[in-house]
Amino acid sequence: KAETIRIIKETLALELEELLKKSSKIINRLNKELRIICKECSSELLPKKPPLLLSGYI
């Protein structure tokens, strides 16, 4: 019984490690995408100097 529990613990630890690696890759990819989107928004969509109408809101 103790051997079975040890094997289960090791298996779960390995699976958890794999999940952490995968989630870390996903988070890094999302961060990269967000940086690209933010860069595009700030350079293309927003004017360099906000119009007078918008200046009170920014």
PDB file of N, CA and C in Angstrom:
ATOM      1  N   LYS A   1       0.830  -1.206   0.000  1.00  0.00           N
ATOM      2  CA  LYS A   1       0.000   0.000   0.000  1.00  0.00           C
ATOM      3  C   LYS A   1       0.872   1.268   0.000  1.00  0.00           C
ATOM      4  N   ALA A   2       1.908   1.280   0.816  1.00  0.00           N
ATOM      5  CA  ALA A   2       2.793   2.448   0.884  1.00  0.00           C
ATOM      6  C   ALA A   2       3.474   2.675  -0.463  1.00  0.00           C
ATOM      7  N   GLU A   3       3.837   1.583  -1.134  1.00  0.00           N
ATOM      8  CA  GLU A   3       4.476   1.679  -2.456  1.00  0.00           C
ATOM      9  C   GLU A   3       3.515   2.303  -3.465  1.00  0.00           C
ATOM     10  N   THR A   4       2.258   1.905  -3.419  1.00  0.00           N
ATOM     11  CA  THR A   4       1.244   2.456  -4.325  1.00  0.00           C
ATOM     12  C   THR A   4       1.079   3.951  -4.092  1.00  0.00           C
ATOM     13  N   ILE A   5       1.030   4.347  -2.844  1.00  0.00           N
ATOM     14  CA  ILE A   5       0.882   5.769  -2.505  1.00  0.00           C
ATOM     15  C   ILE A   5       2.086   6.556  -3.008  1.00  0.00           C
ATOM     16  N   ARG A   6       3.291   5.991  -2.838  1.00  0.00           N
ATOM     17  CA  ARG A   6       4.504   6.659  -3.305  1.00  0.00           C
ATOM     18  C   ARG A   6       4.468   6.845  -4.822  1.00  0.00           C
ATOM     19  N   ILE A   7       4.052   5.810  -5.536  1.00  0.00           N
ATOM     20  CA  ILE A   7       3.973   5.887  -7.002  1.00  0.00           C
ATOM     21  C   ILE A   7       2.956   6.941  -7.427  1.00  0.00           C
ATOM     22  N   ILE A   8       1.812   6.963  -6.762  1.00  0.00           N
ATOM     23  CA  ILE A   8       0.773   7.956  -7.077  1.00  0.00           C
ATOM     24  C   ILE A   8       1.305   9.364  -6.831  1.00  0.00           C
ATOM     25  N   LYS A   9       1.997   9.563  -5.707  1.00  0.00           N
ATOM     26  CA  LYS A   9       2.561  10.882  -5.392  1.00  0.00           C
ATOM     27  C   LYS A   9       3.565  11.314  -6.452  1.00  0.00           C
ATOM     28  N   GLU A  10       4.442  10.404  -6.856  1.00  0.00           N
ATOM     29  CA  GLU A  10       5.441  10.732  -7.879  1.00  0.00           C
ATOM     30  C   GLU A  10       4.774  11.072  -9.205  1.00  0.00           C
ATOM     31  N   THR A  11       3.757  10.287  -9.554  1.00  0.00           N
ATOM     32  CA  THR A  11       3.033  10.528 -10.804  1.00  0.00           C
ATOM     33  C   THR A  11       2.353  11.889 -10.774  1.00  0.00           C
ATOM     34  N   LEU A  12       1.688  12.194  -9.666  1.00  0.00           N
ATOM     35  CA  LEU A  12       1.025  13.493  -9.530  1.00  0.00           C
ATOM     36  C   LEU A  12       2.030  14.635  -9.576  1.00  0.00           C
ATOM     37  N   ALA A  13       3.181  14.449  -8.949  1.00  0.00           N
ATOM     38  CA  ALA A  13       4.212  15.488  -8.958  1.00  0.00           C
ATOM     39  C   ALA A  13       4.688  15.742 -10.386  1.00  0.00           C
ATOM     40  N   LEU A  14       4.896  14.672 -11.156  1.00  0.00           N
ATOM     41  CA  LEU A  14       5.333  14.827 -12.548  1.00  0.00           C
ATOM     42  C   LEU A  14       4.259  15.509 -13.386  1.00  0.00           C
ATOM     43  N   GLU A  15       3.010  15.107 -13.190  1.00  0.00           N
ATOM     44  CA  GLU A  15       1.912  15.721 -13.943  1.00  0.00           C
ATOM     45  C   GLU A  15       1.774  17.199 -13.590  1.00  0.00           C
ATOM     46  N   LEU A  16       1.920  17.525 -12.312  1.00  0.00           N
ATOM     47  CA  LEU A  16       1.839  18.918 -11.874  1.00  0.00           C
ATOM     48  C   LEU A  16       2.965  19.739 -12.494  1.00  0.00           C
ATOM     49  N   GLU A  17       4.157  19.164 -12.540  1.00  0.00           N
ATOM     50  CA  GLU A  17       5.300  19.847 -13.146  1.00  0.00           C
ATOM     51  C   GLU A  17       5.030  20.137 -14.622  1.00  0.00           C
ATOM     52  N   GLU A  18       4.461  19.160 -15.331  1.00  0.00           N
ATOM     53  CA  GLU A  18       4.125  19.352 -16.746  1.00  0.00           C
ATOM     54  C   GLU A  18       3.077  20.452 -16.922  1.00  0.00           C
ATOM     55  N   LEU A  19       2.057  20.436 -16.061  1.00  0.00           N
ATOM     56  CA  LEU A  19       1.017  21.467 -16.130  1.00  0.00           C
ATOM     57  C   LEU A  19       1.591  22.853 -15.884  1.00  0.00           C
ATOM     58  N   LEU A  20       2.504  22.954 -14.933  1.00  0.00           N
ATOM     59  CA  LEU A  20       3.132  24.244 -14.640  1.00  0.00           C
ATOM     60  C   LEU A  20       3.943  24.738 -15.831  1.00  0.00           C
ATOM     61  N   LYS A  21       4.655  23.820 -16.485  1.00  0.00           N
ATOM     62  CA  LYS A  21       5.435  24.206 -17.671  1.00  0.00           C
ATOM     63  C   LYS A  21       4.505  24.702 -18.773  1.00  0.00           C
ATOM     64  N   LYS A  22       3.418  23.946 -19.005  1.00  0.00           N
ATOM     65  CA  LYS A  22       2.468  24.332 -20.053  1.00  0.00           C
ATOM     66  C   LYS A  22       1.820  25.675 -19.741  1.00  0.00           C
ATOM     67  N   SER A  23       1.385  25.858 -18.493  1.00  0.00           N
ATOM     68  CA  SER A  23       0.718  27.114 -18.142  1.00  0.00           C
ATOM     69  C   SER A  23       1.697  28.281 -18.224  1.00  0.00           C
ATOM     70  N   SER A  24       2.943  28.033 -17.878  1.00  0.00           N
ATOM     71  CA  SER A  24       3.959  29.076 -17.973  1.00  0.00           C
ATOM     72  C   SER A  24       4.161  29.489 -19.432  1.00  0.00           C
ATOM     73  N   LYS A  25       4.185  28.501 -20.333  1.00  0.00           N
ATOM     74  CA  LYS A  25       4.330  28.804 -21.767  1.00  0.00           C
ATOM     75  C   LYS A  25       3.135  29.606 -22.265  1.00  0.00           C
ATOM     76  N   ILE A  26       1.940  29.212 -21.827  1.00  0.00           N
ATOM     77  CA  ILE A  26       0.720  29.919 -22.247  1.00  0.00           C
ATOM     78  C   ILE A  26       0.744  31.355 -21.736  1.00  0.00           C
ATOM     79  N   ILE A  27       1.119  31.540 -20.476  1.00  0.00           N
ATOM     80  CA  ILE A  27       1.179  32.887 -19.898  1.00  0.00           C
ATOM     81  C   ILE A  27       2.196  33.743 -20.635  1.00  0.00           C
ATOM     82  N   ASN A  28       3.353  33.169 -20.938  1.00  0.00           N
ATOM     83  CA  ASN A  28       4.374  33.921 -21.679  1.00  0.00           C
ATOM     84  C   ASN A  28       3.869  34.323 -23.057  1.00  0.00           C
ATOM     85  N   ARG A  29       3.168  33.403 -23.725  1.00  0.00           N
ATOM     86  CA  ARG A  29       2.627  33.697 -25.053  1.00  0.00           C
ATOM     87  C   ARG A  29       1.579  34.806 -24.965  1.00  0.00           C
ATOM     88  N   LEU A  30       0.703  34.731 -23.968  1.00  0.00           N
ATOM     89  CA  LEU A  30      -0.319  35.766 -23.784  1.00  0.00           C
ATOM     90  C   LEU A  30       0.310  37.119 -23.481  1.00  0.00           C
ATOM     91  N   ASN A  31       1.341  37.124 -22.648  1.00  0.00           N
ATOM     92  CA  ASN A  31       2.033  38.379 -22.341  1.00  0.00           C
ATOM     93  C   ASN A  31       2.632  38.989 -23.594  1.00  0.00           C
ATOM     94  N   LYS A  32       3.223  38.139 -24.436  1.00  0.00           N
ATOM     95  CA  LYS A  32       3.817  38.630 -25.677  1.00  0.00           C
ATOM     96  C   LYS A  32       2.735  39.219 -26.577  1.00  0.00           C
ATOM     97  N   GLU A  33       1.603  38.513 -26.692  1.00  0.00           N
ATOM     98  CA  GLU A  33       0.489  39.004 -27.508  1.00  0.00           C
ATOM     99  C   GLU A  33      -0.028  40.341 -26.969  1.00  0.00           C
ATOM    100  N   LEU A  34      -0.171  40.436 -25.651  1.00  0.00           N
ATOM    101  CA  LEU A  34      -0.656  41.681 -25.043  1.00  0.00           C
ATOM    102  C   LEU A  34       0.295  42.834 -25.303  1.00  0.00           C
ATOM    103  N   ARG A  35       1.602  42.565 -25.210  1.00  0.00           N
ATOM    104  CA  ARG A  35       2.584  43.621 -25.492  1.00  0.00           C
ATOM    105  C   ARG A  35       2.444  44.105 -26.925  1.00  0.00           C
ATOM    106  N   ILE A  36       2.258  43.166 -27.863  1.00  0.00           N
ATOM    107  CA  ILE A  36       2.092  43.537 -29.272  1.00  0.00           C
ATOM    108  C   ILE A  36       0.825  44.367 -29.444  1.00  0.00           C
ATOM    109  N   ILE A  37      -0.274  43.909 -28.847  1.00  0.00           N
ATOM    110  CA  ILE A  37      -1.550  44.623 -28.957  1.00  0.00           C
ATOM    111  C   ILE A  37      -1.427  46.019 -28.352  1.00  0.00           C
ATOM    112  N   CYS A  38      -0.816  46.109 -27.167  1.00  0.00           N
ATOM    113  CA  CYS A  38      -0.665  47.417 -26.513  1.00  0.00           C
ATOM    114  C   CYS A  38       0.187  48.349 -27.356  1.00  0.00           C
ATOM    115  N   LYS A  39       1.253  47.795 -27.942  1.00  0.00           N
ATOM    116  CA  LYS A  39       2.131  48.605 -28.780  1.00  0.00           C
ATOM    117  C   LYS A  39       1.366  49.119 -29.994  1.00  0.00           C
ATOM    118  N   GLU A  40       0.570  48.228 -30.619  1.00  0.00           N
ATOM    119  CA  GLU A  40      -0.228  48.623 -31.783  1.00  0.00           C
ATOM    120  C   GLU A  40      -1.248  49.686 -31.401  1.00  0.00           C
ATOM    121  N   CYS A  41      -1.920  49.481 -30.268  1.00  0.00           N
ATOM    122  CA  CYS A  41      -2.935  50.448 -29.828  1.00  0.00           C
ATOM    123  C   CYS A  41      -2.312  51.806 -29.585  1.00  0.00           C
ATOM    124  N   SER A  42      -1.209  51.822 -28.862  1.00  0.00           N
ATOM    125  CA  SER A  42      -0.622  53.111 -28.503  1.00  0.00           C
ATOM    126  C   SER A  42      -0.028  53.814 -29.713  1.00  0.00           C
ATOM    127  N   SER A  43       0.432  53.053 -30.706  1.00  0.00           N
ATOM    128  CA  SER A  43       1.065  53.710 -31.846  1.00  0.00           C
ATOM    129  C   SER A  43       0.081  54.032 -32.968  1.00  0.00           C
ATOM    130  N   GLU A  44      -0.938  53.185 -33.160  1.00  0.00           N
ATOM    131  CA  GLU A  44      -1.827  53.374 -34.306  1.00  0.00           C
ATOM    132  C   GLU A  44      -3.162  54.017 -33.951  1.00  0.00           C
ATOM    133  N   LEU A  45      -3.785  53.535 -32.881  1.00  0.00           N
ATOM    134  CA  LEU A  45      -5.150  53.969 -32.596  1.00  0.00           C
ATOM    135  C   LEU A  45      -5.219  55.294 -31.848  1.00  0.00           C
ATOM    136  N   LEU A  46      -4.276  55.503 -30.958  1.00  0.00           N
ATOM    137  CA  LEU A  46      -4.327  56.734 -30.171  1.00  0.00           C
ATOM    138  C   LEU A  46      -3.487  57.815 -30.841  1.00  0.00           C
ATOM    139  N   PRO A  47      -4.033  58.999 -30.962  1.00  0.00           N
ATOM    140  CA  PRO A  47      -3.236  60.088 -31.535  1.00  0.00           C
ATOM    141  C   PRO A  47      -2.079  60.432 -30.604  1.00  0.00           C
ATOM    142  N   LYS A  48      -1.004  60.950 -31.180  1.00  0.00           N
ATOM    143  CA  LYS A  48       0.171  61.303 -30.365  1.00  0.00           C
ATOM    144  C   LYS A  48      -0.196  62.365 -29.333  1.00  0.00           C
ATOM    145  N   LYS A  49      -0.948  63.350 -29.763  1.00  0.00           N
ATOM    146  CA  LYS A  49      -1.402  64.400 -28.850  1.00  0.00           C
ATOM    147  C   LYS A  49      -2.925  64.331 -28.859  1.00  0.00           C
ATOM    148  N   PRO A  50      -3.544  64.050 -27.713  1.00  0.00           N
ATOM    149  CA  PRO A  50      -5.001  63.901 -27.720  1.00  0.00           C
ATOM    150  C   PRO A  50      -5.698  65.198 -28.115  1.00  0.00           C
ATOM    151  N   PRO A  51      -6.776  65.080 -28.871  1.00  0.00           N
ATOM    152  CA  PRO A  51      -7.546  66.275 -29.223  1.00  0.00           C
ATOM    153  C   PRO A  51      -8.066  66.952 -27.951  1.00  0.00           C
ATOM    154  N   LEU A  52      -8.364  68.226 -28.040  1.00  0.00           N
ATOM    155  CA  LEU A  52      -8.839  68.973 -26.868  1.00  0.00           C
ATOM    156  C   LEU A  52     -10.049  68.310 -26.223  1.00  0.00           C
ATOM    157  N   LEU A  53     -10.919  67.774 -27.053  1.00  0.00           N
ATOM    158  CA  LEU A  53     -12.137  67.152 -26.553  1.00  0.00           C
ATOM    159  C   LEU A  53     -11.820  65.976 -25.627  1.00  0.00           C
ATOM    160  N   LEU A  54     -10.771  65.212 -25.957  1.00  0.00           N
ATOM    161  CA  LEU A  54     -10.434  64.027 -25.175  1.00  0.00           C
ATOM    162  C   LEU A  54      -9.471  64.315 -24.033  1.00  0.00           C
ATOM    163  N   SER A  55      -8.788  65.437 -24.087  1.00  0.00           N
ATOM    164  CA  SER A  55      -7.719  65.675 -23.116  1.00  0.00           C
ATOM    165  C   SER A  55      -8.212  65.666 -21.673  1.00  0.00           C
ATOM    166  N   GLY A  56      -9.461  66.019 -21.441  1.00  0.00           N
ATOM    167  CA  GLY A  56      -9.990  66.000 -20.083  1.00  0.00           C
ATOM    168  C   GLY A  56     -10.256  64.602 -19.569  1.00  0.00           C
ATOM    169  N   TYR A  57     -10.339  63.629 -20.459  1.00  0.00           N
ATOM    170  CA  TYR A  57     -10.680  62.267 -20.057  1.00  0.00           C
ATOM    171  C   TYR A  57      -9.467  61.361 -19.940  1.00  0.00           C
ATOM    172  N   ILE A  58      -8.345  61.792 -20.478  1.00  0.00           N
ATOM    173  CA  ILE A  58      -7.168  60.909 -20.482  1.00  0.00           C
ATOM    174  C   ILE A  58      -6.269  61.251 -19.308  1.00  0.00           C
TER     175      ILE A  58
END
